[in-house]
Amino acid sequence: MRVAADAGRVSPPARYRLLALLALLIPGAAAAQLRVMSVNVRLPLASDGPNDWPNRRAVLADTVRRADPDVIGTQELFRRQDDDIVAALPRYRWFGRDRRGGHADEHMGVFYRADRLTLLGSGDFWLSDTPAVPGSISWGNLYPRMVTWGAFRTRGGRRFYMFDTHLPYRAGDEAAREKGAALILARVAAIAGGAPVVLTGDFNTVPGSETHRLLATRLRDAWQVAPAREGPAATFHGFTGRADRRIDWVFARGLRATRVRVLTGHDRGRYPSDHFPVVVDYR
């Protein structure tokens, strides 16, 4: 849905036209904008049949191309998928280790436009009692859960940090998700200091949960604060196109969200993933 502008304020479409004009007239104005995407790409799985990766990789690449993000946080990414994405979108580079500490399992891969952003450093940590130990599991999780992060500099010289994660999915995992959220906040403070931060992920729970409440004590949920919103709130749709839960979030601090979009596009019923991608424009 689109949020109506308050009376007396510039409407969102007019605001974006004004920003575009300023970007042409004021040197460096374009560099003050940052576009972030979050998407669970859905692992390659033959049992998905017509929705298996080979049948939708072109749709995902086209979705990214049209959205034109500067940086993307992905979840459930396998190495063959990142190879396909970079082959289709050569302006992007990516980094990350998988949840076991190698490259044979799921990654929280971060993609970025190398012509727009400079990667200053990167790393990862695990959501466990031993965050520095690759593949470590705690709190009753079935699988290792982790965060991949990167430090970036924009063409305008602005520095920010990107964190990307995927929390456990079972209904009974809420306590583990809460511990994961608390650890993420602690590590964000230790790694990024006071710099601007973006956090993307598939959090596998809904707003109103304790996990969301914890994160919102330090970070701002783009869907809740952006003056312009497009698309449905819910993001998980299981390849049906009918989403029922908002479990994919983009949080930030030190940046102002101006627009958030949930992308529902498809190619004759073929969706890029079983999650709708989320795109946020920041100033």
Protein backbone atom coordinates (compact mmCIF):
# COMPACT_ATOMS: atom_id res chain seq x y z
CA MET A 1 0.00 0.00 0.00
CA ARG A 2 1.05 3.62 -0.33
CA VAL A 3 1.06 5.88 2.70
CA ALA A 4 -0.68 9.17 2.04
CA ALA A 5 1.34 12.34 2.59
CA ASP A 6 0.30 14.69 5.37
CA ALA A 7 -1.57 17.78 4.30
CA GLY A 8 0.78 20.56 3.24
CA ARG A 9 3.69 18.21 2.60
CA VAL A 10 5.20 17.27 -0.76
CA SER A 11 3.67 14.00 -2.01
CA PRO A 12 6.06 11.01 -2.28
CA PRO A 13 6.14 10.98 -6.14
CA ALA A 14 6.83 14.73 -6.22
CA ARG A 15 9.46 14.30 -3.51
CA TYR A 16 11.32 11.69 -5.54
CA ARG A 17 11.21 13.89 -8.65
CA LEU A 18 12.65 16.73 -6.56
CA LEU A 19 15.41 14.48 -5.22
CA ALA A 20 16.25 13.36 -8.75
CA LEU A 21 16.52 17.01 -9.86
CA LEU A 22 18.73 17.85 -6.90
CA ALA A 23 20.97 14.90 -7.77
CA LEU A 24 21.57 16.53 -11.17
CA LEU A 25 22.07 20.05 -9.84
CA ILE A 26 24.07 19.41 -6.67
CA PRO A 27 27.42 17.60 -6.92
CA GLY A 28 27.46 14.50 -4.72
CA ALA A 29 23.71 14.55 -4.08
CA ALA A 30 23.22 11.13 -5.70
CA ALA A 31 25.90 9.65 -3.46
CA ALA A 32 23.81 10.59 -0.43
CA GLN A 33 21.26 7.95 -1.38
CA LEU A 34 21.55 4.23 -0.65
CA ARG A 35 19.27 1.48 -1.96
CA VAL A 36 19.18 -1.77 0.02
CA MET A 37 17.54 -5.08 -0.92
CA SER A 38 16.86 -8.11 1.27
CA VAL A 39 15.80 -11.42 -0.26
CA ASN A 40 15.70 -15.03 0.80
CA VAL A 41 16.60 -16.57 -2.56
CA ARG A 42 15.38 -20.06 -1.60
CA LEU A 43 18.00 -22.81 -1.85
CA PRO A 44 18.19 -25.01 -4.97
CA LEU A 45 15.83 -27.88 -4.28
CA ALA A 46 14.71 -30.41 -6.87
CA SER A 47 11.55 -31.14 -4.91
CA ASP A 48 10.41 -27.58 -5.69
CA GLY A 49 9.70 -28.88 -9.19
CA PRO A 50 8.85 -25.98 -11.51
CA ASN A 51 10.09 -23.56 -8.84
CA ASP A 52 13.55 -25.10 -8.58
CA TRP A 53 16.42 -22.66 -9.05
CA PRO A 54 17.16 -23.26 -12.78
CA ASN A 55 13.58 -22.25 -13.60
CA ARG A 56 13.64 -18.98 -11.69
CA ARG A 57 17.23 -17.73 -11.70
CA ALA A 58 16.55 -15.47 -14.68
CA VAL A 59 13.49 -14.04 -12.90
CA LEU A 60 15.55 -13.26 -9.81
CA ALA A 61 18.32 -11.64 -11.87
CA ASP A 62 15.75 -9.53 -13.72
CA THR A 63 14.13 -8.53 -10.41
CA VAL A 64 17.48 -7.32 -9.08
CA ARG A 65 18.28 -5.55 -12.36
CA ARG A 66 14.99 -3.66 -12.28
CA ALA A 67 15.26 -2.75 -8.58
CA ASP A 68 18.89 -1.60 -9.04
CA PRO A 69 20.01 -1.90 -5.39
CA ASP A 70 23.45 -0.79 -4.22
CA VAL A 71 23.73 -3.65 -1.74
CA ILE A 72 21.78 -6.89 -1.21
CA GLY A 73 21.50 -9.13 1.83
CA THR A 74 20.57 -12.68 0.81
CA GLN A 75 19.62 -15.77 2.77
CA GLU A 76 19.64 -19.48 1.81
CA LEU A 77 22.21 -18.71 -0.89
CA PHE A 78 24.21 -21.63 -2.29
CA ARG A 79 27.43 -21.22 -4.25
CA ARG A 80 25.89 -22.23 -7.57
CA GLN A 81 23.30 -19.50 -7.09
CA ASP A 82 25.79 -16.74 -6.39
CA ASP A 83 27.75 -17.82 -9.47
CA ASP A 84 24.57 -17.54 -11.56
CA ILE A 85 23.66 -14.14 -10.10
CA VAL A 86 27.09 -12.61 -10.72
CA ALA A 87 27.18 -14.09 -14.24
CA ALA A 88 23.84 -12.42 -15.02
CA LEU A 89 24.67 -9.20 -13.16
CA PRO A 90 28.42 -8.61 -13.64
CA ARG A 91 28.42 -5.20 -11.93
CA TYR A 92 27.82 -6.97 -8.62
CA ARG A 93 30.38 -8.67 -6.42
CA TRP A 94 29.64 -10.75 -3.36
CA PHE A 95 31.25 -12.13 -0.19
CA GLY A 96 30.43 -14.51 2.66
CA ARG A 97 31.02 -17.95 4.13
CA ASP A 98 28.37 -20.59 4.57
CA ARG A 99 26.86 -21.50 7.92
CA ARG A 100 29.38 -24.36 8.36
CA GLY A 101 32.32 -22.03 7.71
CA GLY A 102 32.99 -23.09 4.11
CA HIS A 103 31.14 -22.85 0.80
CA ALA A 104 29.10 -26.06 0.53
CA ASP A 105 26.06 -24.98 2.57
CA GLU A 106 23.77 -21.96 2.90
CA HIS A 107 25.37 -18.50 2.86
CA MET A 108 24.20 -15.14 4.10
CA GLY A 109 25.83 -13.72 0.96
CA VAL A 110 26.11 -9.95 0.59
CA PHE A 111 26.15 -8.55 -2.96
CA TYR A 112 27.19 -4.99 -3.77
CA ARG A 113 27.72 -2.73 -6.77
CA ALA A 114 31.49 -2.37 -6.98
CA ASP A 115 31.12 0.76 -9.12
CA ARG A 116 29.13 2.46 -6.36
CA LEU A 117 30.51 1.05 -3.12
CA THR A 118 33.98 0.21 -1.85
CA LEU A 119 34.22 -2.79 0.46
CA LEU A 120 36.50 -1.77 3.35
CA GLY A 121 36.28 -5.00 5.34
CA SER A 122 34.02 -7.95 6.07
CA GLY A 123 33.49 -10.76 8.53
CA ASP A 124 30.98 -13.04 10.17
CA PHE A 125 29.89 -14.46 13.50
CA TRP A 126 27.65 -17.25 14.66
CA LEU A 127 24.50 -16.90 16.72
CA SER A 128 25.62 -19.17 19.51
CA ASP A 129 27.43 -19.15 22.83
CA THR A 130 30.69 -19.20 20.83
CA PRO A 131 30.16 -16.59 18.07
CA ALA A 132 33.73 -16.85 16.74
CA VAL A 133 33.49 -20.62 16.15
CA PRO A 134 32.33 -21.42 12.58
CA GLY A 135 29.39 -23.80 12.49
CA SER A 136 28.69 -23.52 16.22
CA ILE A 137 25.16 -24.32 17.41
CA SER A 138 23.47 -23.29 20.68
CA TRP A 139 20.02 -22.60 22.15
CA GLY A 140 18.36 -25.68 20.65
CA ASN A 141 18.91 -24.65 17.02
CA LEU A 142 18.75 -27.43 14.42
CA TYR A 143 21.33 -25.74 12.19
CA PRO A 144 24.10 -23.18 12.63
CA ARG A 145 22.81 -19.63 12.47
CA MET A 146 25.07 -16.75 11.59
CA VAL A 147 25.56 -13.14 10.49
CA THR A 148 27.70 -11.88 7.61
CA TRP A 149 28.76 -8.24 7.71
CA GLY A 150 30.62 -5.74 5.57
CA ALA A 151 31.96 -2.21 5.99
CA PHE A 152 31.43 0.03 2.96
CA ARG A 153 32.30 3.48 1.69
CA THR A 154 30.05 5.23 -0.80
CA ARG A 155 31.31 7.29 -3.72
CA GLY A 156 30.53 10.36 -1.63
CA GLY A 157 32.88 9.16 1.11
CA ARG A 158 30.18 8.07 3.55
CA ARG A 159 30.82 4.92 5.55
CA PHE A 160 28.23 2.38 6.70
CA TYR A 161 28.01 -1.22 7.87
CA MET A 162 25.78 -3.94 6.48
CA PHE A 163 24.71 -6.98 8.54
CA ASP A 164 22.73 -9.91 7.12
CA THR A 165 21.18 -12.88 8.94
CA HIS A 166 18.67 -15.75 8.87
CA LEU A 167 17.04 -16.75 12.17
CA PRO A 168 15.59 -20.22 12.96
CA TYR A 169 12.19 -21.04 11.55
CA ARG A 170 10.28 -23.32 13.97
CA ALA A 171 7.44 -21.94 16.07
CA GLY A 172 9.25 -23.16 19.18
CA ASP A 173 12.43 -21.27 18.26
CA GLU A 174 11.31 -17.87 19.53
CA ALA A 175 13.65 -18.01 22.53
CA ALA A 176 16.57 -18.78 20.19
CA ARG A 177 15.52 -15.91 17.93
CA GLU A 178 15.45 -13.56 20.90
CA LYS A 179 18.96 -14.61 21.96
CA GLY A 180 20.11 -14.18 18.38
CA ALA A 181 18.65 -10.67 18.24
CA ALA A 182 20.36 -9.72 21.50
CA LEU A 183 23.70 -11.02 20.22
CA ILE A 184 23.27 -9.17 16.92
CA LEU A 185 22.74 -5.88 18.76
CA ALA A 186 25.79 -6.48 20.92
CA ARG A 187 28.00 -7.31 17.94
CA VAL A 188 26.68 -4.39 15.90
CA ALA A 189 27.76 -2.07 18.70
CA ALA A 190 31.19 -3.73 18.94
CA ILE A 191 31.88 -3.86 15.19
CA ALA A 192 30.26 -0.70 13.84
CA GLY A 193 30.62 1.64 16.80
CA GLY A 194 28.59 4.76 16.07
CA ALA A 195 28.62 4.41 12.26
CA PRO A 196 25.39 4.04 10.26
CA VAL A 197 24.16 0.44 10.11
CA VAL A 198 21.77 -1.60 7.96
CA LEU A 199 20.48 -5.01 9.10
CA THR A 200 18.73 -7.29 6.60
CA GLY A 201 17.38 -10.76 7.08
CA ASP A 202 14.75 -13.44 7.14
CA PHE A 203 13.80 -13.32 10.82
CA ASN A 204 11.16 -16.08 10.69
CA THR A 205 8.89 -14.27 13.11
CA VAL A 206 6.48 -11.36 12.91
CA PRO A 207 6.38 -7.78 14.17
CA GLY A 208 4.95 -7.86 17.66
CA SER A 209 7.32 -10.66 18.65
CA GLU A 210 9.95 -10.17 21.33
CA THR A 211 12.62 -10.58 18.66
CA HIS A 212 11.30 -7.59 16.74
CA ARG A 213 10.87 -5.57 19.92
CA LEU A 214 14.49 -6.18 20.92
CA LEU A 215 15.86 -5.09 17.56
CA ALA A 216 13.61 -2.03 17.54
CA THR A 217 15.17 -0.79 20.78
CA ARG A 218 18.32 0.15 18.82
CA LEU A 219 17.32 0.04 15.14
CA ARG A 220 14.38 1.29 13.06
CA ASP A 221 12.24 -0.99 10.92
CA ALA A 222 11.98 0.59 7.46
CA TRP A 223 8.42 -0.65 6.90
CA GLN A 224 7.30 1.11 10.05
CA VAL A 225 9.09 4.43 9.57
CA ALA A 226 9.36 5.12 5.82
CA PRO A 227 6.94 7.83 4.63
CA ALA A 228 6.21 5.88 1.43
CA ARG A 229 5.37 2.16 1.30
CA GLU A 230 4.51 0.07 -1.75
CA GLY A 231 3.31 -3.50 -2.00
CA PRO A 232 1.89 -5.81 0.65
CA ALA A 233 3.30 -5.85 4.16
CA ALA A 234 3.66 -9.65 4.21
CA THR A 235 6.67 -11.21 2.48
CA PHE A 236 6.52 -15.03 2.72
CA HIS A 237 4.25 -16.56 0.08
CA GLY A 238 5.61 -20.07 -0.63
CA PHE A 239 5.59 -19.54 -4.43
CA THR A 240 1.85 -18.80 -4.39
CA GLY A 241 2.02 -15.01 -4.66
CA ARG A 242 -0.27 -14.78 -1.61
CA ALA A 243 1.90 -13.72 1.32
CA ASP A 244 0.68 -14.21 4.87
CA ARG A 245 3.56 -13.08 7.16
CA ARG A 246 6.00 -10.17 7.29
CA ILE A 247 9.15 -12.04 8.27
CA ASP A 248 11.70 -10.27 6.03
CA TRP A 249 12.81 -7.00 7.61
CA VAL A 250 15.26 -4.20 6.92
CA PHE A 251 16.42 -2.30 9.99
CA ALA A 252 18.81 0.65 10.17
CA ARG A 253 20.24 3.37 12.34
CA GLY A 254 21.92 6.58 11.27
CA LEU A 255 20.04 6.51 7.95
CA ARG A 256 16.62 7.87 7.02
CA ALA A 257 14.28 5.53 5.14
CA THR A 258 12.36 7.45 2.47
CA ARG A 259 10.67 4.58 0.65
CA VAL A 260 10.17 0.84 1.16
CA ARG A 261 8.84 -1.57 -1.46
CA VAL A 262 7.85 -5.23 -1.29
CA LEU A 263 8.35 -6.56 -4.82
CA THR A 264 5.65 -8.93 -6.04
CA GLY A 265 6.68 -9.17 -9.69
CA HIS A 266 6.77 -12.50 -11.52
CA ASP A 267 7.10 -13.94 -15.01
CA ARG A 268 3.83 -15.70 -15.90
CA GLY A 269 3.46 -17.02 -12.37
CA ARG A 270 7.15 -17.83 -11.89
CA TYR A 271 8.43 -15.91 -8.86
CA PRO A 272 12.08 -15.18 -8.09
CA SER A 273 11.71 -16.83 -4.67
CA ASP A 274 9.19 -18.05 -2.13
CA HIS A 275 9.76 -14.70 -0.36
CA PHE A 276 9.01 -11.31 -1.83
CA PRO A 277 12.16 -9.14 -1.94
CA VAL A 278 12.19 -5.97 0.17
CA VAL A 279 13.82 -2.79 -1.17
CA VAL A 280 14.50 0.31 0.92
CA ASP A 281 15.73 3.72 -0.19
CA TYR A 282 17.79 5.57 2.43
CA ARG A 283 19.14 9.08 2.72
